[in-house]
PDB file of N, CA and C in Angstrom:
ATOM      1  N   UNK A   1       5.417  -6.042 -21.996  1.00  0.00           N
ATOM      2  CA  UNK A   1       4.236  -6.647 -22.133  1.00  0.00           C
ATOM      3  C   UNK A   1       4.246  -7.793 -21.136  1.00  0.00           C
ATOM      4  N   UNK A   2       3.055  -8.195 -20.614  1.00  0.00           N
ATOM      5  CA  UNK A   2       2.952  -9.149 -19.581  1.00  0.00           C
ATOM      6  C   UNK A   2       1.840 -10.105 -20.196  1.00  0.00           C
ATOM      7  N   UNK A   3       2.224 -11.560 -20.013  1.00  0.00           N
ATOM      8  CA  UNK A   3       1.334 -12.453 -20.394  1.00  0.00           C
ATOM      9  C   UNK A   3       1.268 -13.368 -19.250  1.00  0.00           C
ATOM     10  N   UNK A   4      -0.128 -13.567 -18.874  1.00  0.00           N
ATOM     11  CA  UNK A   4      -0.469 -14.504 -17.669  1.00  0.00           C
ATOM     12  C   UNK A   4      -1.534 -15.409 -17.910  1.00  0.00           C
ATOM     13  N   UNK A   5      -1.471 -16.486 -17.278  1.00  0.00           N
ATOM     14  CA  UNK A   5      -2.477 -17.346 -17.388  1.00  0.00           C
ATOM     15  C   UNK A   5      -3.474 -16.887 -16.294  1.00  0.00           C
ATOM     16  N   UNK A   6      -4.750 -17.365 -16.501  1.00  0.00           N
ATOM     17  CA  UNK A   6      -5.813 -16.843 -15.477  1.00  0.00           C
ATOM     18  C   UNK A   6      -5.367 -17.308 -14.076  1.00  0.00           C
ATOM     19  N   UNK A   7      -4.939 -16.579 -13.133  1.00  0.00           N
ATOM     20  CA  UNK A   7      -4.461 -16.948 -11.842  1.00  0.00           C
ATOM     21  C   UNK A   7      -4.248 -15.478 -11.083  1.00  0.00           C
ATOM     22  N   UNK A   8      -2.964 -15.239 -10.813  1.00  0.00           N
ATOM     23  CA  UNK A   8      -2.505 -14.227 -10.278  1.00  0.00           C
ATOM     24  C   UNK A   8      -1.546 -13.363 -10.980  1.00  0.00           C
ATOM     25  N   UNK A   9      -1.715 -11.933 -11.060  1.00  0.00           N
ATOM     26  CA  UNK A   9      -0.823 -11.104 -11.824  1.00  0.00           C
ATOM     27  C   UNK A   9      -0.236  -9.907 -10.940  1.00  0.00           C
ATOM     28  N   UNK A  10       1.150  -9.771 -11.007  1.00  0.00           N
ATOM     29  CA  UNK A  10       1.631  -8.605 -10.147  1.00  0.00           C
ATOM     30  C   UNK A  10       2.101  -7.818 -11.410  1.00  0.00           C
ATOM     31  N   UNK A  11       1.656  -6.602 -11.423  1.00  0.00           N
ATOM     32  CA  UNK A  11       2.467  -5.869 -12.563  1.00  0.00           C
ATOM     33  C   UNK A  11       3.774  -5.193 -11.988  1.00  0.00           C
ATOM     34  N   UNK A  12       4.896  -5.127 -12.595  1.00  0.00           N
ATOM     35  CA  UNK A  12       6.154  -4.731 -12.392  1.00  0.00           C
ATOM     36  C   UNK A  12       6.158  -3.093 -12.754  1.00  0.00           C
ATOM     37  N   UNK A  13       5.198  -2.504 -13.084  1.00  0.00           N
ATOM     38  CA  UNK A  13       5.320  -1.051 -13.545  1.00  0.00           C
ATOM     39  C   UNK A  13       5.541  -0.243 -12.303  1.00  0.00           C
ATOM     40  N   UNK A  14       6.668   0.439 -12.283  1.00  0.00           N
ATOM     41  CA  UNK A  14       6.864   1.430 -10.994  1.00  0.00           C
ATOM     42  C   UNK A  14       5.882   2.532 -11.081  1.00  0.00           C
ATOM     43  N   UNK A  15       5.416   2.832  -9.970  1.00  0.00           N
ATOM     44  CA  UNK A  15       4.311   3.769  -9.616  1.00  0.00           C
ATOM     45  C   UNK A  15       5.027   5.029  -9.373  1.00  0.00           C
ATOM     46  N   UNK A  16       4.917   6.123 -10.279  1.00  0.00           N
ATOM     47  CA  UNK A  16       5.767   7.512 -10.075  1.00  0.00           C
ATOM     48  C   UNK A  16       5.425   7.857  -8.575  1.00  0.00           C
ATOM     49  N   UNK A  17       6.524   8.234  -7.759  1.00  0.00           N
ATOM     50  CA  UNK A  17       6.394   8.825  -6.629  1.00  0.00           C
ATOM     51  C   UNK A  17       7.260  10.260  -6.277  1.00  0.00           C
ATOM     52  N   UNK A  18       6.623  10.762  -5.375  1.00  0.00           N
ATOM     53  CA  UNK A  18       7.384  12.277  -4.992  1.00  0.00           C
ATOM     54  C   UNK A  18       7.145  12.365  -3.425  1.00  0.00           C
ATOM     55  N   UNK A  19       6.867  13.532  -3.069  1.00  0.00           N
ATOM     56  CA  UNK A  19       7.046  13.952  -1.465  1.00  0.00           C
ATOM     57  C   UNK A  19       6.258  13.092  -0.600  1.00  0.00           C
ATOM     58  N   UNK A  20       5.738  13.815   0.507  1.00  0.00           N
ATOM     59  CA  UNK A  20       5.058  13.017   1.878  1.00  0.00           C
ATOM     60  C   UNK A  20       4.000  12.280   1.417  1.00  0.00           C
ATOM     61  N   UNK A  21       3.985  10.877   1.638  1.00  0.00           N
ATOM     62  CA  UNK A  21       2.985  10.029   1.380  1.00  0.00           C
ATOM     63  C   UNK A  21       1.697  10.176   1.899  1.00  0.00           C
ATOM     64  N   UNK A  22       1.542  10.828   2.889  1.00  0.00           N
ATOM     65  CA  UNK A  22       0.160  11.167   3.526  1.00  0.00           C
ATOM     66  C   UNK A  22      -0.358  12.012   2.415  1.00  0.00           C
ATOM     67  N   UNK A  23       0.201  12.871   1.706  1.00  0.00           N
ATOM     68  CA  UNK A  23      -0.340  13.866   0.800  1.00  0.00           C
ATOM     69  C   UNK A  23      -0.693  13.473  -0.732  1.00  0.00           C
ATOM     70  N   UNK A  24      -0.244  12.098  -0.893  1.00  0.00           N
ATOM     71  CA  UNK A  24      -0.248  11.481  -2.261  1.00  0.00           C
ATOM     72  C   UNK A  24      -1.736  10.898  -2.311  1.00  0.00           C
ATOM     73  N   UNK A  25      -2.282  10.934  -3.621  1.00  0.00           N
ATOM     74  CA  UNK A  25      -3.323  10.007  -4.024  1.00  0.00           C
ATOM     75  C   UNK A  25      -2.652   9.037  -4.993  1.00  0.00           C
ATOM     76  N   UNK A  26      -3.000   7.786  -4.892  1.00  0.00           N
ATOM     77  CA  UNK A  26      -2.665   6.976  -5.910  1.00  0.00           C
ATOM     78  C   UNK A  26      -3.897   6.248  -6.505  1.00  0.00           C
ATOM     79  N   UNK A  27      -3.864   6.149  -7.634  1.00  0.00           N
ATOM     80  CA  UNK A  27      -4.990   5.755  -8.499  1.00  0.00           C
ATOM     81  C   UNK A  27      -4.192   4.623  -9.651  1.00  0.00           C
ATOM     82  N   UNK A  28      -5.073   3.494  -9.787  1.00  0.00           N
ATOM     83  CA  UNK A  28      -4.860   2.578 -10.962  1.00  0.00           C
ATOM     84  C   UNK A  28      -5.966   2.576 -11.728  1.00  0.00           C
ATOM     85  N   UNK A  29      -5.753   2.648 -13.187  1.00  0.00           N
ATOM     86  CA  UNK A  29      -7.152   2.296 -13.897  1.00  0.00           C
ATOM     87  C   UNK A  29      -6.294   1.800 -15.168  1.00  0.00           C
ATOM     88  N   UNK A  30      -7.281   1.157 -16.018  1.00  0.00           N
ATOM     89  CA  UNK A  30      -7.392   0.226 -17.064  1.00  0.00           C
ATOM     90  C   UNK A  30      -7.714   0.966 -18.462  1.00  0.00           C
ATOM     91  N   UNK A  31      -6.948   0.825 -19.499  1.00  0.00           N
ATOM     92  CA  UNK A  31      -7.692   1.243 -20.678  1.00  0.00           C
ATOM     93  C   UNK A  31      -7.554   0.023 -21.995  1.00  0.00           C
ATOM     94  N   UNK A  32      -8.656   0.059 -22.319  1.00  0.00           N
ATOM     95  CA  UNK A  32      -8.933  -1.199 -23.317  1.00  0.00           C
ATOM     96  C   UNK A  32      -9.729  -0.576 -24.512  1.00  0.00           C
ATOM     97  N   UNK A  33     -10.157  -1.512 -25.478  1.00  0.00           N
ATOM     98  CA  UNK A  33     -11.222  -0.931 -26.431  1.00  0.00           C
ATOM     99  C   UNK A  33     -12.527  -0.430 -25.990  1.00  0.00           C
ATOM    100  N   UNK A  34     -12.656  -0.682 -24.861  1.00  0.00           N
ATOM    101  CA  UNK A  34     -14.151  -0.016 -24.393  1.00  0.00           C
ATOM    102  C   UNK A  34     -13.913   1.359 -23.614  1.00  0.00           C
ATOM    103  N   UNK A  35     -12.720   1.690 -23.522  1.00  0.00           N
ATOM    104  CA  UNK A  35     -12.282   2.929 -22.877  1.00  0.00           C
ATOM    105  C   UNK A  35     -11.724   2.945 -21.750  1.00  0.00           C
ATOM    106  N   UNK A  36     -11.658   3.992 -20.824  1.00  0.00           N
ATOM    107  CA  UNK A  36     -10.981   3.942 -19.529  1.00  0.00           C
ATOM    108  C   UNK A  36     -11.756   3.313 -18.349  1.00  0.00           C
ATOM    109  N   UNK A  37     -11.088   2.594 -17.379  1.00  0.00           N
ATOM    110  CA  UNK A  37     -12.103   1.959 -16.415  1.00  0.00           C
ATOM    111  C   UNK A  37     -11.095   2.268 -14.892  1.00  0.00           C
ATOM    112  N   UNK A  38     -11.686   3.116 -13.975  1.00  0.00           N
ATOM    113  CA  UNK A  38     -10.806   3.247 -12.734  1.00  0.00           C
ATOM    114  C   UNK A  38     -11.156   2.012 -11.890  1.00  0.00           C
ATOM    115  N   UNK A  39      -9.933   1.394 -11.307  1.00  0.00           N
ATOM    116  CA  UNK A  39      -9.895   0.396 -10.506  1.00  0.00           C
ATOM    117  C   UNK A  39      -9.766   0.517  -9.145  1.00  0.00           C
ATOM    118  N   UNK A  40      -8.934   1.275  -8.692  1.00  0.00           N
ATOM    119  CA  UNK A  40      -8.334   1.680  -7.425  1.00  0.00           C
ATOM    120  C   UNK A  40      -7.959   2.963  -7.019  1.00  0.00           C
ATOM    121  N   UNK A  41      -8.400   3.491  -5.992  1.00  0.00           N
ATOM    122  CA  UNK A  41      -7.972   4.814  -5.523  1.00  0.00           C
ATOM    123  C   UNK A  41      -7.631   4.774  -4.161  1.00  0.00           C
ATOM    124  N   UNK A  42      -6.221   4.843  -3.919  1.00  0.00           N
ATOM    125  CA  UNK A  42      -5.863   4.949  -2.524  1.00  0.00           C
ATOM    126  C   UNK A  42      -6.120   3.497  -1.877  1.00  0.00           C
ATOM    127  N   UNK A  43      -5.977   2.372  -2.711  1.00  0.00           N
ATOM    128  CA  UNK A  43      -6.184   0.907  -2.249  1.00  0.00           C
ATOM    129  C   UNK A  43      -7.497   0.785  -1.801  1.00  0.00           C
ATOM    130  N   UNK A  44      -8.584   1.455  -2.375  1.00  0.00           N
ATOM    131  CA  UNK A  44     -10.040   1.354  -2.091  1.00  0.00           C
ATOM    132  C   UNK A  44     -10.326   0.913  -3.690  1.00  0.00           C
ATOM    133  N   UNK A  45     -11.224  -0.208  -3.787  1.00  0.00           N
ATOM    134  CA  UNK A  45     -11.720  -0.656  -4.917  1.00  0.00           C
ATOM    135  C   UNK A  45     -12.947   0.024  -5.505  1.00  0.00           C
ATOM    136  N   UNK A  46     -12.633   0.626  -6.744  1.00  0.00           N
ATOM    137  CA  UNK A  46     -13.467   1.505  -7.387  1.00  0.00           C
ATOM    138  C   UNK A  46     -14.932   0.785  -8.001  1.00  0.00           C
ATOM    139  N   UNK A  47     -14.682  -0.600  -8.348  1.00  0.00           N
ATOM    140  CA  UNK A  47     -15.482  -1.301  -8.841  1.00  0.00           C
ATOM    141  C   UNK A  47     -16.443  -1.892  -7.819  1.00  0.00           C
ATOM    142  N   UNK A  48     -17.721  -1.731  -8.154  1.00  0.00           N
ATOM    143  CA  UNK A  48     -18.465  -2.508  -7.054  1.00  0.00           C
ATOM    144  C   UNK A  48     -18.518  -3.792  -7.107  1.00  0.00           C
ATOM    145  N   UNK A  49     -18.714  -4.607  -6.023  1.00  0.00           N
ATOM    146  CA  UNK A  49     -18.597  -5.936  -5.884  1.00  0.00           C
ATOM    147  C   UNK A  49     -17.638  -6.718  -6.704  1.00  0.00           C
ATOM    148  N   UNK A  50     -16.221  -6.082  -6.537  1.00  0.00           N
ATOM    149  CA  UNK A  50     -15.012  -6.698  -7.124  1.00  0.00           C
ATOM    150  C   UNK A  50     -13.783  -6.392  -6.366  1.00  0.00           C
ATOM    151  N   UNK A  51     -13.393  -7.465  -5.744  1.00  0.00           N
ATOM    152  CA  UNK A  51     -12.316  -7.337  -4.796  1.00  0.00           C
ATOM    153  C   UNK A  51     -11.231  -7.826  -5.510  1.00  0.00           C
ATOM    154  N   UNK A  52     -11.008  -8.295  -6.613  1.00  0.00           N
ATOM    155  CA  UNK A  52      -9.872  -8.955  -7.183  1.00  0.00           C
ATOM    156  C   UNK A  52      -8.731  -8.027  -7.496  1.00  0.00           C
ATOM    157  N   UNK A  53      -8.856  -6.747  -7.402  1.00  0.00           N
ATOM    158  CA  UNK A  53      -7.786  -5.642  -7.540  1.00  0.00           C
ATOM    159  C   UNK A  53      -7.366  -5.056  -6.167  1.00  0.00           C
ATOM    160  N   UNK A  54      -6.294  -5.024  -6.132  1.00  0.00           N
ATOM    161  CA  UNK A  54      -5.712  -4.361  -4.790  1.00  0.00           C
ATOM    162  C   UNK A  54      -4.141  -3.910  -5.009  1.00  0.00           C
ATOM    163  N   UNK A  55      -3.812  -2.983  -4.151  1.00  0.00           N
ATOM    164  CA  UNK A  55      -2.401  -2.618  -4.307  1.00  0.00           C
ATOM    165  C   UNK A  55      -1.561  -3.317  -3.125  1.00  0.00           C
ATOM    166  N   UNK A  56      -0.539  -3.680  -3.572  1.00  0.00           N
ATOM    167  CA  UNK A  56       0.554  -4.375  -2.656  1.00  0.00           C
ATOM    168  C   UNK A  56       1.863  -3.657  -2.503  1.00  0.00           C
ATOM    169  N   UNK A  57       2.795  -3.965  -1.706  1.00  0.00           N
ATOM    170  CA  UNK A  57       4.064  -3.398  -1.812  1.00  0.00           C
ATOM    171  C   UNK A  57       4.229  -2.239  -0.725  1.00  0.00           C
ATOM    172  N   UNK A  58       5.289  -1.531  -0.633  1.00  0.00           N
ATOM    173  CA  UNK A  58       5.531  -0.467   0.258  1.00  0.00           C
ATOM    174  C   UNK A  58       5.461   0.944  -0.361  1.00  0.00           C
ATOM    175  N   UNK A  59       4.487   1.794  -0.271  1.00  0.00           N
ATOM    176  CA  UNK A  59       4.264   3.015  -0.839  1.00  0.00           C
ATOM    177  C   UNK A  59       5.358   4.037  -0.458  1.00  0.00           C
ATOM    178  N   UNK A  60       5.861   3.692   0.693  1.00  0.00           N
ATOM    179  CA  UNK A  60       6.973   4.727   1.160  1.00  0.00           C
ATOM    180  C   UNK A  60       8.191   4.454   0.465  1.00  0.00           C
ATOM    181  N   UNK A  61       8.277   3.344  -0.083  1.00  0.00           N
ATOM    182  CA  UNK A  61       9.567   2.987  -1.061  1.00  0.00           C
ATOM    183  C   UNK A  61       9.121   3.163  -2.487  1.00  0.00           C
ATOM    184  N   UNK A  62       7.832   3.833  -2.796  1.00  0.00           N
ATOM    185  CA  UNK A  62       7.485   3.856  -4.081  1.00  0.00           C
ATOM    186  C   UNK A  62       6.914   2.923  -4.832  1.00  0.00           C
ATOM    187  N   UNK A  63       6.644   1.814  -4.177  1.00  0.00           N
ATOM    188  CA  UNK A  63       5.939   0.670  -4.637  1.00  0.00           C
ATOM    189  C   UNK A  63       4.381   0.702  -4.238  1.00  0.00           C
ATOM    190  N   UNK A  64       3.757   0.966  -5.361  1.00  0.00           N
ATOM    191  CA  UNK A  64       2.226   0.555  -5.250  1.00  0.00           C
ATOM    192  C   UNK A  64       1.677  -0.450  -6.230  1.00  0.00           C
ATOM    193  N   UNK A  65       2.400  -1.503  -6.330  1.00  0.00           N
ATOM    194  CA  UNK A  65       2.043  -2.497  -7.430  1.00  0.00           C
ATOM    195  C   UNK A  65       0.532  -3.020  -7.397  1.00  0.00           C
ATOM    196  N   UNK A  66       0.191  -3.204  -8.722  1.00  0.00           N
ATOM    197  CA  UNK A  66      -1.280  -3.640  -8.582  1.00  0.00           C
ATOM    198  C   UNK A  66      -1.340  -5.407  -8.647  1.00  0.00           C
ATOM    199  N   UNK A  67      -2.084  -5.808  -7.826  1.00  0.00           N
ATOM    200  CA  UNK A  67      -2.385  -7.196  -7.829  1.00  0.00           C
ATOM    201  C   UNK A  67      -3.789  -7.416  -8.487  1.00  0.00           C
ATOM    202  N   UNK A  68      -3.968  -8.454  -9.398  1.00  0.00           N
ATOM    203  CA  UNK A  68      -4.952  -8.919  -9.825  1.00  0.00           C
ATOM    204  C   UNK A  68      -5.097 -10.326  -9.689  1.00  0.00           C
ATOM    205  N   UNK A  69      -6.249 -10.716  -8.945  1.00  0.00           N
ATOM    206  CA  UNK A  69      -6.497 -12.005  -8.620  1.00  0.00           C
ATOM    207  C   UNK A  69      -7.474 -12.778  -9.407  1.00  0.00           C
ATOM    208  N   UNK A  70      -7.247 -14.014  -9.932  1.00  0.00           N
ATOM    209  CA  UNK A  70      -8.071 -14.960 -10.820  1.00  0.00           C
ATOM    210  C   UNK A  70      -8.309 -14.080 -12.036  1.00  0.00           C
ATOM    211  N   UNK A  71      -7.114 -13.837 -12.667  1.00  0.00           N
ATOM    212  CA  UNK A  71      -6.977 -12.983 -14.053  1.00  0.00           C
ATOM    213  C   UNK A  71      -7.893 -13.857 -15.001  1.00  0.00           C
ATOM    214  N   UNK A  72      -8.799 -12.969 -15.645  1.00  0.00           N
ATOM    215  CA  UNK A  72      -9.519 -13.561 -16.823  1.00  0.00           C
ATOM    216  C   UNK A  72      -9.251 -12.892 -18.175  1.00  0.00           C
ATOM    217  N   UNK A  73      -9.926 -13.408 -19.176  1.00  0.00           N
ATOM    218  CA  UNK A  73      -9.793 -12.682 -20.484  1.00  0.00           C
ATOM    219  C   UNK A  73      -9.861 -11.270 -20.511  1.00  0.00           C
ATOM    220  N   UNK A  74     -11.208 -10.990 -19.934  1.00  0.00           N
ATOM    221  CA  UNK A  74     -11.584  -9.661 -19.895  1.00  0.00           C
ATOM    222  C   UNK A  74     -10.613  -8.640 -19.062  1.00  0.00           C
ATOM    223  N   UNK A  75      -9.748  -9.151 -18.475  1.00  0.00           N
ATOM    224  CA  UNK A  75      -8.731  -8.271 -17.949  1.00  0.00           C
ATOM    225  C   UNK A  75      -7.504  -7.702 -18.703  1.00  0.00           C
ATOM    226  N   UNK A  76      -7.596  -8.114 -20.210  1.00  0.00           N
ATOM    227  CA  UNK A  76      -6.729  -7.576 -20.990  1.00  0.00           C
ATOM    228  C   UNK A  76      -6.688  -6.123 -21.129  1.00  0.00           C
ATOM    229  N   UNK A  77      -5.624  -5.536 -21.421  1.00  0.00           N
ATOM    230  CA  UNK A  77      -5.615  -4.084 -21.534  1.00  0.00           C
ATOM    231  C   UNK A  77      -4.422  -3.494 -21.016  1.00  0.00           C
ATOM    232  N   UNK A  78      -4.301  -1.945 -21.070  1.00  0.00           N
ATOM    233  CA  UNK A  78      -3.088  -1.313 -20.432  1.00  0.00           C
ATOM    234  C   UNK A  78      -3.514  -0.630 -19.181  1.00  0.00           C
ATOM    235  N   UNK A  79      -2.645  -1.235 -18.168  1.00  0.00           N
ATOM    236  CA  UNK A  79      -2.797  -0.555 -16.874  1.00  0.00           C
ATOM    237  C   UNK A  79      -1.805   0.548 -16.341  1.00  0.00           C
ATOM    238  N   UNK A  80      -2.334   1.498 -15.861  1.00  0.00           N
ATOM    239  CA  UNK A  80      -1.564   2.821 -15.644  1.00  0.00           C
ATOM    240  C   UNK A  80      -1.721   3.071 -13.885  1.00  0.00           C
ATOM    241  N   UNK A  81      -0.764   3.501 -13.611  1.00  0.00           N
ATOM    242  CA  UNK A  81      -0.818   4.092 -12.264  1.00  0.00           C
ATOM    243  C   UNK A  81      -0.450   5.641 -12.264  1.00  0.00           C
ATOM    244  N   UNK A  82      -1.361   6.226 -11.503  1.00  0.00           N
ATOM    245  CA  UNK A  82      -1.369   7.616 -11.471  1.00  0.00           C
ATOM    246  C   UNK A  82      -1.419   8.194 -10.127  1.00  0.00           C
ATOM    247  N   UNK A  83      -0.285   9.166  -9.731  1.00  0.00           N
ATOM    248  CA  UNK A  83      -0.225   9.704  -8.667  1.00  0.00           C
ATOM    249  C   UNK A  83      -0.476  11.305  -8.572  1.00  0.00           C
ATOM    250  N   UNK A  84      -1.358  11.599  -7.773  1.00  0.00           N
ATOM    251  CA  UNK A  84      -1.501  13.265  -7.604  1.00  0.00           C
ATOM    252  C   UNK A  84      -0.868  13.543  -6.462  1.00  0.00           C
ATOM    253  N   UNK A  85       0.117  14.651  -6.728  1.00  0.00           N
ATOM    254  CA  UNK A  85       0.968  15.437  -5.766  1.00  0.00           C
ATOM    255  C   UNK A  85       0.188  16.340  -4.973  1.00  0.00           C
ATOM    256  N   UNK A  86       0.747  16.747  -3.760  1.00  0.00           N
ATOM    257  CA  UNK A  86       0.242  17.759  -2.946  1.00  0.00           C
ATOM    258  C   UNK A  86      -0.431  19.027  -3.712  1.00  0.00           C
ATOM    259  N   UNK A  87       0.434  19.526  -4.640  1.00  0.00           N
ATOM    260  CA  UNK A  87       0.195  20.623  -5.529  1.00  0.00           C
ATOM    261  C   UNK A  87      -0.519  20.276  -6.651  1.00  0.00           C
ATOM    262  N   UNK A  88      -1.320  19.036  -6.579  1.00  0.00           N
ATOM    263  CA  UNK A  88      -2.377  18.743  -7.429  1.00  0.00           C
ATOM    264  C   UNK A  88      -1.829  18.292  -8.865  1.00  0.00           C
ATOM    265  N   UNK A  89      -0.530  18.353  -8.849  1.00  0.00           N
ATOM    266  CA  UNK A  89       0.172  17.792 -10.256  1.00  0.00           C
ATOM    267  C   UNK A  89      -0.113  16.297 -10.253  1.00  0.00           C
ATOM    268  N   UNK A  90      -0.585  15.778 -11.518  1.00  0.00           N
ATOM    269  CA  UNK A  90      -0.665  14.508 -11.681  1.00  0.00           C
ATOM    270  C   UNK A  90       0.536  13.790 -12.460  1.00  0.00           C
ATOM    271  N   UNK A  91       0.974  13.006 -12.032  1.00  0.00           N
ATOM    272  CA  UNK A  91       2.196  12.093 -12.574  1.00  0.00           C
ATOM    273  C   UNK A  91       1.403  10.613 -12.887  1.00  0.00           C
ATOM    274  N   UNK A  92       1.643  10.289 -14.180  1.00  0.00           N
ATOM    275  CA  UNK A  92       0.962   8.921 -14.735  1.00  0.00           C
ATOM    276  C   UNK A  92       2.215   8.177 -15.159  1.00  0.00           C
ATOM    277  N   UNK A  93       2.384   6.738 -14.931  1.00  0.00           N
ATOM    278  CA  UNK A  93       3.188   5.782 -15.306  1.00  0.00           C
ATOM    279  C   UNK A  93       3.203   5.628 -17.025  1.00  0.00           C
ATOM    280  N   UNK A  94       4.001   4.973 -17.562  1.00  0.00           N
ATOM    281  CA  UNK A  94       3.995   4.661 -19.022  1.00  0.00           C
ATOM    282  C   UNK A  94       2.753   3.558 -19.562  1.00  0.00           C
ATOM    283  N   UNK A  95       2.427   2.759 -18.301  1.00  0.00           N
ATOM    284  CA  UNK A  95       1.519   1.873 -18.856  1.00  0.00           C
ATOM    285  C   UNK A  95       2.068   0.634 -19.006  1.00  0.00           C
ATOM    286  N   UNK A  96       1.422  -0.535 -18.557  1.00  0.00           N
ATOM    287  CA  UNK A  96       1.537  -1.977 -18.531  1.00  0.00           C
ATOM    288  C   UNK A  96       0.752  -2.708 -19.349  1.00  0.00           C
ATOM    289  N   UNK A  97       1.162  -3.271 -20.445  1.00  0.00           N
ATOM    290  CA  UNK A  97       0.166  -3.832 -21.293  1.00  0.00           C
ATOM    291  C   UNK A  97      -0.084  -5.250 -20.762  1.00  0.00           C
ATOM    292  N   UNK A  98      -1.238  -5.881 -20.533  1.00  0.00           N
ATOM    293  CA  UNK A  98      -1.596  -7.063 -20.163  1.00  0.00           C
ATOM    294  C   UNK A  98      -2.307  -7.897 -21.196  1.00  0.00           C
ATOM    295  N   UNK A  99      -1.571  -9.053 -21.784  1.00  0.00           N
ATOM    296  CA  UNK A  99      -2.186  -9.908 -22.834  1.00  0.00           C
ATOM    297  C   UNK A  99      -2.450 -11.212 -22.164  1.00  0.00           C
ATOM    298  N   UNK A 100      -3.681 -11.649 -22.387  1.00  0.00           N
ATOM    299  CA  UNK A 100      -4.088 -12.952 -21.837  1.00  0.00           C
ATOM    300  C   UNK A 100      -4.282 -14.079 -22.721  1.00  0.00           C
ATOM    301  N   UNK A 101      -3.572 -15.004 -22.383  1.00  0.00           N
ATOM    302  CA  UNK A 101      -3.564 -16.360 -23.549  1.00  0.00           C
ATOM    303  C   UNK A 101      -4.148 -17.529 -22.705  1.00  0.00           C
ATOM    304  N   UNK A 102      -5.224 -18.271 -23.414  1.00  0.00           N
ATOM    305  CA  UNK A 102      -5.776 -19.354 -22.825  1.00  0.00           C
ATOM    306  C   UNK A 102      -4.438 -20.427 -22.464  1.00  0.00           C
ATOM    307  N   UNK A 103      -4.536 -21.034 -21.327  1.00  0.00           N
ATOM    308  CA  UNK A 103      -3.720 -22.189 -20.946  1.00  0.00           C
ATOM    309  C   UNK A 103      -3.960 -23.306 -21.923  1.00  0.00           C
ATOM    310  N   UNK A 104      -2.975 -23.862 -22.320  1.00  0.00           N
ATOM    311  CA  UNK A 104      -2.950 -25.356 -23.187  1.00  0.00           C
ATOM    312  C   UNK A 104      -3.317 -26.346 -22.125  1.00  0.00           C
ATOM    313  N   UNK A 105      -4.220 -27.254 -22.603  1.00  0.00           N
ATOM    314  CA  UNK A 105      -4.756 -28.301 -21.965  1.00  0.00           C
ATOM    315  C   UNK A 105      -3.744 -29.456 -21.954  1.00  0.00           C
ATOM    316  N   UNK A 106      -3.995 -30.542 -21.206  1.00  0.00           N
ATOM    317  CA  UNK A 106      -3.104 -31.587 -21.316  1.00  0.00           C
ATOM    318  C   UNK A 106      -3.028 -32.308 -22.601  1.00  0.00           C
ATOM    319  N   UNK A 107      -1.910 -32.555 -23.048  1.00  0.00           N
ATOM    320  CA  UNK A 107      -1.614 -33.382 -24.337  1.00  0.00           C
ATOM    321  C   UNK A 107      -1.315 -34.741 -24.178  1.00  0.00           C
TER     322      UNK A 107
END
């Protein structure tokens, strides 16, 4: 589980990786009580008018980390990294659960 205050979140889920990078398709999606929502495909945001989601890291080293800017309560859910290999085999990570808690005010 990852707990984040609304700001910046980088998920530590290792994205499954295999052969030649040029032939891989990397996708991030989120599942919550509303269903599945695609976020990124090959570092292109699938959501219209939303540039809060992007991939960082070095894909050649197997790092396709997801970064979420300005995290909000609605970002809660389970995030998955999916890699499609050249032979069209799909490999999916185990998922990273994101729970959001409101920041405590000044006491």
